[in-house]
Amino acid sequence: MLILNLKPIFRARGIEEPTRFLIKNGIPRDAAFYFVNAHRPYIKIAYIERLCEILICEPNDLFLWQPDKDVRVVEDHPLFALLRPAETTADFKRLLANVPYRKLNNLSQMLSKEIEEKDR
């Protein structure tokens, strides 16, 4: 079963009020509530696209795959790329809160360099 898995992305992006963030960025209130608080059995393609735009991610980043017990899937199936723990992303805001300023500057430079290299 595919599961919408937004909490790690919200945490990584420092989004403390995800429902408000989604509504502010064009997701209807009822959909935003379900995306944050409950599992919805379906999601519109337009919402997937909008989530990717505002969260700066790919569709695969939004989903987690939990294999059904009754269904066998070959070991090299592409769905295995979505097989990961639900909560794997660090809370960068909290993580960086205790880092000395000088080290933050170094981290910023390293991250900028990494992003620059990936854009090439």
C-alpha atoms as a PDB file:
ATOM      1  CA  MET A   1       0.000   0.000   0.000  1.00  0.00           C
ATOM      2  CA  LEU A   2       1.263   3.467  -0.840  1.00  0.00           C
ATOM      3  CA  ILE A   3       1.037   5.960   2.016  1.00  0.00           C
ATOM      4  CA  LEU A   4       1.331   9.724   1.795  1.00  0.00           C
ATOM      5  CA  ASN A   5       4.305  10.482   4.063  1.00  0.00           C
ATOM      6  CA  LEU A   6       4.663  14.250   4.473  1.00  0.00           C
ATOM      7  CA  LYS A   7       5.803  14.590   8.101  1.00  0.00           C
ATOM      8  CA  PRO A   8       9.525  14.033   7.407  1.00  0.00           C
ATOM      9  CA  ILE A   9       9.425  16.626   4.612  1.00  0.00           C
ATOM     10  CA  PHE A  10       7.648  19.177   6.817  1.00  0.00           C
ATOM     11  CA  ARG A  11      10.213  18.588   9.561  1.00  0.00           C
ATOM     12  CA  ALA A  12      13.177  18.865   7.161  1.00  0.00           C
ATOM     13  CA  ARG A  13      11.777  22.120   5.753  1.00  0.00           C
ATOM     14  CA  GLY A  14      11.127  23.568   9.225  1.00  0.00           C
ATOM     15  CA  ILE A  15       7.373  23.777   8.619  1.00  0.00           C
ATOM     16  CA  GLU A  16       5.876  23.910  12.116  1.00  0.00           C
ATOM     17  CA  GLU A  17       2.241  24.380  11.089  1.00  0.00           C
ATOM     18  CA  PRO A  18       1.791  22.083   8.075  1.00  0.00           C
ATOM     19  CA  THR A  19      -1.970  22.488   7.694  1.00  0.00           C
ATOM     20  CA  ARG A  20      -1.689  26.282   7.637  1.00  0.00           C
ATOM     21  CA  PHE A  21       1.283  26.061   5.246  1.00  0.00           C
ATOM     22  CA  LEU A  22      -0.640  23.845   2.811  1.00  0.00           C
ATOM     23  CA  ILE A  23      -3.742  26.051   2.866  1.00  0.00           C
ATOM     24  CA  LYS A  24      -1.634  29.193   2.371  1.00  0.00           C
ATOM     25  CA  ASN A  25      -0.061  27.503  -0.666  1.00  0.00           C
ATOM     26  CA  GLY A  26      -3.289  26.592  -2.433  1.00  0.00           C
ATOM     27  CA  ILE A  27      -4.284  23.222  -0.998  1.00  0.00           C
ATOM     28  CA  PRO A  28      -7.986  23.225   0.012  1.00  0.00           C
ATOM     29  CA  ARG A  29      -8.611  23.157   3.767  1.00  0.00           C
ATOM     30  CA  ASP A  30     -10.205  19.684   3.857  1.00  0.00           C
ATOM     31  CA  ALA A  31      -7.428  18.145   1.755  1.00  0.00           C
ATOM     32  CA  ALA A  32      -4.737  19.867   3.855  1.00  0.00           C
ATOM     33  CA  PHE A  33      -6.304  18.488   7.036  1.00  0.00           C
ATOM     34  CA  TYR A  34      -6.341  14.934   5.700  1.00  0.00           C
ATOM     35  CA  PHE A  35      -2.808  15.174   4.332  1.00  0.00           C
ATOM     36  CA  VAL A  36      -1.517  16.198   7.764  1.00  0.00           C
ATOM     37  CA  ASN A  37      -3.803  14.335  10.193  1.00  0.00           C
ATOM     38  CA  ALA A  38      -5.272  11.285   8.518  1.00  0.00           C
ATOM     39  CA  HIS A  39      -4.731   8.828   5.744  1.00  0.00           C
ATOM     40  CA  ARG A  40      -6.731   9.543   2.642  1.00  0.00           C
ATOM     41  CA  PRO A  41      -7.445   6.609   0.311  1.00  0.00           C
ATOM     42  CA  TYR A  42      -6.724   8.744  -2.748  1.00  0.00           C
ATOM     43  CA  ILE A  43      -4.938  11.923  -3.772  1.00  0.00           C
ATOM     44  CA  LYS A  44      -5.546  13.988  -6.885  1.00  0.00           C
ATOM     45  CA  ILE A  45      -2.678  14.232  -9.348  1.00  0.00           C
ATOM     46  CA  ALA A  46      -2.996  18.030  -9.188  1.00  0.00           C
ATOM     47  CA  TYR A  47      -2.334  17.884  -5.424  1.00  0.00           C
ATOM     48  CA  ILE A  48       0.740  15.700  -5.952  1.00  0.00           C
ATOM     49  CA  GLU A  49       2.069  18.256  -8.405  1.00  0.00           C
ATOM     50  CA  ARG A  50       1.304  21.177  -6.072  1.00  0.00           C
ATOM     51  CA  LEU A  51       2.886  19.414  -3.083  1.00  0.00           C
ATOM     52  CA  CYS A  52       6.041  18.822  -5.122  1.00  0.00           C
ATOM     53  CA  GLU A  53       6.124  22.484  -6.152  1.00  0.00           C
ATOM     54  CA  ILE A  54       5.739  23.916  -2.654  1.00  0.00           C
ATOM     55  CA  LEU A  55       7.855  21.304  -0.844  1.00  0.00           C
ATOM     56  CA  ILE A  56      10.545  21.289  -3.561  1.00  0.00           C
ATOM     57  CA  CYS A  57      10.547  17.520  -3.950  1.00  0.00           C
ATOM     58  CA  GLU A  58       9.729  14.679  -6.341  1.00  0.00           C
ATOM     59  CA  PRO A  59       6.550  12.573  -6.274  1.00  0.00           C
ATOM     60  CA  ASN A  60       8.503   9.595  -4.884  1.00  0.00           C
ATOM     61  CA  ASP A  61       9.524  11.734  -1.894  1.00  0.00           C
ATOM     62  CA  LEU A  62       5.862  12.094  -0.901  1.00  0.00           C
ATOM     63  CA  PHE A  63       5.116   8.402  -0.578  1.00  0.00           C
ATOM     64  CA  LEU A  64       6.072   5.453   1.553  1.00  0.00           C
ATOM     65  CA  TRP A  65       5.386   1.895   0.452  1.00  0.00           C
ATOM     66  CA  GLN A  66       4.242  -0.788   2.873  1.00  0.00           C
ATOM     67  CA  PRO A  67       3.910  -4.121   1.078  1.00  0.00           C
ATOM     68  CA  ASP A  68       0.624  -5.924   1.599  1.00  0.00           C
ATOM     69  CA  LYS A  69       1.136  -9.223   3.403  1.00  0.00           C
ATOM     70  CA  ASP A  70      -0.942 -11.138   0.869  1.00  0.00           C
ATOM     71  CA  VAL A  71       0.867  -9.842  -2.213  1.00  0.00           C
ATOM     72  CA  ARG A  72       4.266 -11.019  -3.400  1.00  0.00           C
ATOM     73  CA  VAL A  73       6.443  -8.530  -5.226  1.00  0.00           C
ATOM     74  CA  VAL A  74       9.669  -9.483  -6.995  1.00  0.00           C
ATOM     75  CA  GLU A  75      12.781  -8.314  -5.144  1.00  0.00           C
ATOM     76  CA  ASP A  76      13.960  -5.897  -7.826  1.00  0.00           C
ATOM     77  CA  HIS A  77      10.575  -4.181  -8.228  1.00  0.00           C
ATOM     78  CA  PRO A  78      10.812  -0.356  -8.386  1.00  0.00           C
ATOM     79  CA  LEU A  79       8.394  -0.029  -5.444  1.00  0.00           C
ATOM     80  CA  PHE A  80      11.216  -1.113  -3.151  1.00  0.00           C
ATOM     81  CA  ALA A  81      12.693   2.375  -3.625  1.00  0.00           C
ATOM     82  CA  LEU A  82       9.734   3.611  -1.542  1.00  0.00           C
ATOM     83  CA  LEU A  83      10.277   1.039   1.202  1.00  0.00           C
ATOM     84  CA  ARG A  84      11.752   3.060   4.053  1.00  0.00           C
ATOM     85  CA  PRO A  85      10.970   3.958   7.640  1.00  0.00           C
ATOM     86  CA  ALA A  86       8.226   6.561   7.929  1.00  0.00           C
ATOM     87  CA  GLU A  87      10.241   8.969  10.082  1.00  0.00           C
ATOM     88  CA  THR A  88      13.785   9.218   8.738  1.00  0.00           C
ATOM     89  CA  THR A  89      14.384  12.922   8.208  1.00  0.00           C
ATOM     90  CA  ALA A  90      16.171  14.960  10.868  1.00  0.00           C
ATOM     91  CA  ASP A  91      14.629  18.065  12.379  1.00  0.00           C
ATOM     92  CA  PHE A  92      17.225  20.467  10.985  1.00  0.00           C
ATOM     93  CA  LYS A  93      15.926  23.441  12.930  1.00  0.00           C
ATOM     94  CA  ARG A  94      16.345  21.641  16.240  1.00  0.00           C
ATOM     95  CA  LEU A  95      19.584  19.992  15.126  1.00  0.00           C
ATOM     96  CA  LEU A  96      21.173  23.320  14.200  1.00  0.00           C
ATOM     97  CA  ALA A  97      19.876  25.225  17.238  1.00  0.00           C
ATOM     98  CA  ASN A  98      22.900  24.245  19.352  1.00  0.00           C
ATOM     99  CA  VAL A  99      25.591  24.478  16.688  1.00  0.00           C
ATOM    100  CA  PRO A 100      28.018  27.376  17.264  1.00  0.00           C
ATOM    101  CA  TYR A 101      27.664  30.233  14.789  1.00  0.00           C
ATOM    102  CA  ARG A 102      31.126  29.686  13.300  1.00  0.00           C
ATOM    103  CA  LYS A 103      30.234  26.078  12.483  1.00  0.00           C
ATOM    104  CA  LEU A 104      26.906  27.192  10.997  1.00  0.00           C
ATOM    105  CA  ASN A 105      28.822  29.409   8.601  1.00  0.00           C
ATOM    106  CA  ASN A 106      31.029  26.464   7.602  1.00  0.00           C
ATOM    107  CA  LEU A 107      27.982  24.225   7.164  1.00  0.00           C
ATOM    108  CA  SER A 108      26.322  26.881   5.035  1.00  0.00           C
ATOM    109  CA  GLN A 109      29.341  27.081   2.753  1.00  0.00           C
ATOM    110  CA  MET A 110      29.558  23.282   2.458  1.00  0.00           C
ATOM    111  CA  LEU A 111      25.860  23.006   1.681  1.00  0.00           C
ATOM    112  CA  SER A 112      26.023  25.794  -0.898  1.00  0.00           C
ATOM    113  CA  LYS A 113      28.932  24.039  -2.579  1.00  0.00           C
ATOM    114  CA  GLU A 114      27.062  20.706  -2.587  1.00  0.00           C
ATOM    115  CA  ILE A 115      23.956  22.295  -4.109  1.00  0.00           C
ATOM    116  CA  GLU A 116      26.053  24.088  -6.712  1.00  0.00           C
ATOM    117  CA  GLU A 117      27.751  20.827  -7.743  1.00  0.00           C
ATOM    118  CA  LYS A 118      24.434  18.996  -8.087  1.00  0.00           C
ATOM    119  CA  ASP A 119      23.030  21.765 -10.291  1.00  0.00           C
ATOM    120  CA  ARG A 120      25.789  21.237 -12.841  1.00  0.00           C
END
